[in-house]
Protein backbone atom coordinates (compact mmCIF):
# COMPACT_ATOMS: atom_id res chain seq x y z
CA UNK A 1 -21.67 -8.58 15.35
CA UNK A 2 -18.44 -10.24 16.50
CA UNK A 3 -15.36 -8.13 15.81
CA UNK A 4 -11.62 -8.75 16.05
CA UNK A 5 -9.66 -5.59 16.91
CA UNK A 6 -5.95 -5.80 16.01
CA UNK A 7 -4.18 -2.90 17.69
CA UNK A 8 -0.87 -2.92 19.61
CA UNK A 9 -1.44 0.41 21.40
CA UNK A 10 -3.22 -0.65 24.63
CA UNK A 11 -5.15 2.58 25.17
CA UNK A 12 -6.50 2.66 21.61
CA UNK A 13 -7.34 -1.05 21.74
CA UNK A 14 -9.34 -0.63 24.94
CA UNK A 15 -11.13 2.46 23.64
CA UNK A 16 -12.19 0.57 20.53
CA UNK A 17 -13.26 -2.47 22.53
CA UNK A 18 -15.22 -0.44 25.07
CA UNK A 19 -17.01 1.53 22.36
CA UNK A 20 -17.95 -1.57 20.37
CA UNK A 21 -19.08 -3.47 23.46
CA UNK A 22 -21.25 -0.53 24.51
CA UNK A 23 -22.92 -0.84 21.08
CA UNK A 24 -23.73 -4.46 21.87
CA UNK A 25 -20.98 -6.18 19.87
CA UNK A 26 -18.73 -9.03 20.97
CA UNK A 27 -15.07 -8.01 20.72
CA UNK A 28 -11.75 -9.86 20.89
CA UNK A 29 -8.45 -7.95 20.89
CA UNK A 30 -5.07 -8.93 19.48
CA UNK A 31 -1.86 -6.90 19.85
CA UNK A 32 0.12 -8.64 17.11
CA UNK A 33 -0.29 -9.69 13.51
CA UNK A 34 0.66 -13.31 14.12
CA UNK A 35 -1.90 -13.69 16.92
CA UNK A 36 -4.50 -12.01 14.73
CA UNK A 37 -3.95 -14.57 11.98
CA UNK A 38 -4.45 -17.43 14.43
CA UNK A 39 -7.58 -15.86 15.94
CA UNK A 40 -9.10 -15.06 12.54
CA UNK A 41 -8.55 -18.65 11.45
CA UNK A 42 -10.09 -20.08 14.62
CA UNK A 43 -13.18 -17.84 14.89
CA UNK A 44 -15.79 -16.72 12.37
CA UNK A 45 -15.65 -12.94 12.86
CA UNK A 46 -18.11 -10.62 11.16
CA UNK A 47 -15.39 -7.98 10.71
CA UNK A 48 -11.76 -7.24 11.54
CA UNK A 49 -10.52 -3.78 12.56
CA UNK A 50 -6.83 -3.93 11.66
CA UNK A 51 -4.16 -1.36 12.52
CA UNK A 52 -1.43 -1.04 9.90
CA UNK A 53 1.47 -0.38 12.31
CA UNK A 54 2.02 -3.60 14.29
CA UNK A 55 5.18 -4.81 16.07
CA UNK A 56 5.68 -7.98 14.05
CA UNK A 57 3.74 -8.53 10.82
CA UNK A 58 2.20 -5.22 9.72
CA UNK A 59 -1.44 -4.78 8.77
CA UNK A 60 -0.72 -5.05 5.05
CA UNK A 61 1.03 -8.38 5.62
CA UNK A 62 -1.76 -9.64 7.87
CA UNK A 63 -4.39 -8.77 5.29
CA UNK A 64 -2.41 -10.37 2.47
CA UNK A 65 -1.96 -13.55 4.50
CA UNK A 66 -5.64 -13.69 5.49
CA UNK A 67 -6.64 -13.68 1.84
CA UNK A 68 -3.94 -16.24 0.94
CA UNK A 69 -5.49 -18.54 3.57
CA UNK A 70 -8.92 -17.87 2.03
CA UNK A 71 -10.21 -16.08 5.12
CA UNK A 72 -12.65 -13.58 3.60
CA UNK A 73 -13.77 -11.72 6.74
CA UNK A 74 -14.26 -8.02 5.89
CA UNK A 75 -11.22 -5.96 6.96
CA UNK A 76 -11.23 -2.29 7.95
CA UNK A 77 -7.66 -0.93 8.01
CA UNK A 78 -6.71 1.80 10.50
CA UNK A 79 -3.62 3.95 10.01
CA UNK A 80 -2.14 7.35 10.71
CA UNK A 81 -0.71 7.39 7.18
CA UNK A 82 -3.02 9.10 4.72
CA UNK A 83 -0.92 9.07 1.56
CA UNK A 84 -2.71 7.78 -1.53
CA UNK A 85 -0.09 5.07 -2.07
CA UNK A 86 -0.72 3.72 1.45
CA UNK A 87 -4.47 3.52 0.83
CA UNK A 88 -3.85 1.82 -2.52
CA UNK A 89 -1.46 -0.68 -0.94
CA UNK A 90 -3.97 -1.52 1.79
CA UNK A 91 -6.81 -2.11 -0.64
CA UNK A 92 -4.59 -4.09 -3.01
CA UNK A 93 -3.58 -6.49 -0.22
CA UNK A 94 -7.25 -7.41 0.25
CA UNK A 95 -8.64 -4.87 2.72
CA UNK A 96 -12.26 -3.84 2.21
CA UNK A 97 -12.07 -0.31 3.59
CA UNK A 98 -9.57 2.19 5.01
CA UNK A 99 -9.92 4.71 7.85
CA UNK A 100 -7.29 7.33 8.71
CA UNK A 101 -6.51 8.24 12.32
CA UNK A 102 -7.78 10.29 14.05
CA UNK A 103 -11.31 9.25 13.17
CA UNK A 104 -14.84 9.59 14.45
CA UNK A 105 -16.04 6.50 16.28
CA UNK A 106 -19.48 6.94 14.73
CA UNK A 107 -17.85 6.77 11.29
CA UNK A 108 -16.00 3.59 12.24
CA UNK A 109 -19.31 2.02 13.32
CA UNK A 110 -21.00 3.08 10.09
CA UNK A 111 -18.17 1.64 7.99
CA UNK A 112 -18.31 -1.66 9.90
CA UNK A 113 -22.06 -1.90 9.37
CA UNK A 114 -21.56 -1.28 5.66
CA UNK A 115 -18.87 -3.97 5.43
CA UNK A 116 -21.02 -6.53 7.23
CA UNK A 117 -23.98 -5.78 4.96
CA UNK A 118 -21.87 -6.41 1.88
CA UNK A 119 -20.20 -9.70 2.79
CA UNK A 120 -20.88 -12.46 2.19
CA UNK A 121 -23.95 -11.66 0.12
CA UNK A 122 -26.12 -8.60 0.41
CA UNK A 123 -27.54 -7.80 3.83
CA UNK A 124 -30.35 -5.25 4.15
CA UNK A 125 -29.87 -2.13 6.26
CA UNK A 126 -33.06 -2.95 8.20
CA UNK A 127 -33.84 -6.59 8.97
CA UNK A 128 -37.40 -7.89 8.76
CA UNK A 129 -38.75 -11.28 9.80
CA UNK A 130 -42.54 -11.43 9.88
CA UNK A 131 -43.64 -8.39 11.87
CA UNK A 132 -40.27 -8.12 13.61
CA UNK A 133 -38.02 -5.29 12.40
CA UNK A 134 -34.50 -4.45 13.55
CA UNK A 135 -32.36 -1.47 12.58
CA UNK A 136 -28.67 -2.19 13.47
CA UNK A 137 -27.57 1.40 12.79
CA UNK A 138 -30.20 3.02 15.01
CA UNK A 139 -30.04 0.19 17.60
CA UNK A 140 -33.85 -0.07 17.54
CA UNK A 141 -36.24 -2.98 17.09
CA UNK A 142 -40.01 -3.34 16.75
CA UNK A 143 -42.75 -5.95 16.82
CA UNK A 144 -45.34 -4.47 14.51
CA UNK A 145 -45.72 -0.83 15.57
CA UNK A 146 -44.49 -1.45 19.13
CA UNK A 147 -40.87 -0.59 19.83
CA UNK A 148 -38.98 -3.22 21.85
CA UNK A 149 -36.94 -2.25 24.91
CA UNK A 150 -33.89 -4.50 24.56
CA UNK A 151 -30.59 -4.57 26.40
CA UNK A 152 -27.40 -4.49 24.31
CA UNK A 153 -26.94 -8.27 24.58
CA UNK A 154 -30.60 -8.99 23.84
CA UNK A 155 -30.34 -6.78 20.76
CA UNK A 156 -27.18 -8.58 19.62
CA UNK A 157 -28.84 -11.96 20.05
CA UNK A 158 -31.98 -10.91 18.17
CA UNK A 159 -29.84 -9.58 15.32
CA UNK A 160 -28.13 -12.98 15.00
CA UNK A 161 -31.49 -14.75 14.81
CA UNK A 162 -32.91 -12.23 12.33
CA UNK A 163 -29.93 -12.58 10.01
CA UNK A 164 -30.60 -16.34 9.82
CA UNK A 165 -34.38 -16.79 10.06
CA UNK A 166 -35.67 -20.34 9.92
CA UNK A 167 -32.25 -21.80 10.75
CA UNK A 168 -31.63 -23.76 13.93
CA UNK A 169 -28.69 -22.11 15.70
CA UNK A 170 -26.72 -24.05 18.27
CA UNK A 171 -25.64 -22.53 21.57
CA UNK A 172 -22.06 -22.55 20.26
CA UNK A 173 -23.09 -20.53 17.19
CA UNK A 174 -24.93 -18.02 19.39
CA UNK A 175 -21.95 -17.76 21.75
CA UNK A 176 -19.59 -17.22 18.80
CA UNK A 177 -21.77 -14.41 17.48
CA UNK A 178 -22.66 -12.54 20.67
CA UNK A 179 -19.90 -13.20 23.22
CA UNK A 180 -16.13 -12.81 23.16
CA UNK A 181 -13.35 -15.28 23.98
CA UNK A 182 -13.50 -14.50 27.71
CA UNK A 183 -16.96 -16.06 27.91
CA UNK A 184 -17.34 -19.24 29.94
CA UNK A 185 -19.05 -21.51 27.41
CA UNK A 186 -20.16 -24.06 30.00
CA UNK A 187 -22.57 -21.62 31.64
CA UNK A 188 -26.27 -21.42 30.76
CA UNK A 189 -26.14 -17.73 29.86
CA UNK A 190 -27.42 -18.38 26.33
CA UNK A 191 -30.55 -20.05 27.65
CA UNK A 192 -31.03 -17.20 30.12
CA UNK A 193 -30.82 -14.55 27.41
CA UNK A 194 -33.10 -16.46 25.06
CA UNK A 195 -35.64 -16.51 27.89
CA UNK A 196 -35.18 -12.76 28.39
CA UNK A 197 -35.69 -12.25 24.66
CA UNK A 198 -38.89 -14.30 24.60
CA UNK A 199 -40.26 -12.19 27.43
CA UNK A 200 -39.84 -9.11 25.26
CA UNK A 201 -40.49 -10.16 21.66
CA UNK A 202 -43.03 -12.97 22.09
CA UNK A 203 -44.93 -13.12 25.36
CA UNK A 204 -46.41 -9.58 25.38
CA UNK A 205 -47.72 -10.11 21.84
CA UNK A 206 -49.04 -13.66 22.21
CA UNK A 207 -46.41 -14.93 19.76
CA UNK A 208 -44.19 -18.02 19.72
CA UNK A 209 -41.61 -17.06 17.11
CA UNK A 210 -38.50 -18.12 19.05
CA UNK A 211 -38.55 -21.92 19.21
CA UNK A 212 -36.47 -24.41 21.14
CA UNK A 213 -35.07 -27.27 19.09
CA UNK A 214 -34.50 -29.88 21.76
CA UNK A 215 -30.94 -31.08 22.01
CA UNK A 216 -29.72 -28.61 19.36
CA UNK A 217 -30.48 -24.96 20.06
CA UNK A 218 -32.97 -22.30 19.04
CA UNK A 219 -34.70 -21.06 15.88
CA UNK A 220 -36.46 -17.85 14.92
CA UNK A 221 -39.41 -18.90 12.79
CA UNK A 222 -39.24 -17.29 9.37
CA UNK A 223 -43.00 -16.70 9.07
């Protein structure tokens, strides 16, 4: 999952980023509403964690403008204000969910997973492609009955492939889904991690499910 965190309080922003990265997600951070609008328009995020209290355009305004620009990325609003009218205002401006500070990080993760499953189109809680299974909530994956020992980045990459089985994904698409804006896109890190992934999901089982499409990218075979 690639997430945009919009939070002007540096300590909170870094806590959120560190926690999400430790869960294997790619995270970009913005400290202002205007920057968030630009970033959300330039990158296909899976979800946006949006603080209401921002120094320029507040979270309500950001959300309203995102929807006006037809950017439908799921938005989870964060705020210290728990009045009913604030929650109503947030949802009416186009937010998908609302979390009041202070909150449990595990709850934030669960809410993000729920948002990503719902949009666009239904996404199952456990992904299955052939005899591969992946549980994003539990951070576990299996080939048949054998559990796979994957690093956080390997897990993130496999999740991208399993959400789009049978599709050829370019290196740029894989970078956009599994790495943040600080990533050096000219490196061969995608090829390296695809090789790591093959060594864990294919080679030990005599399978060839992760294919190279020469000159384009990679594809997880649907069957």
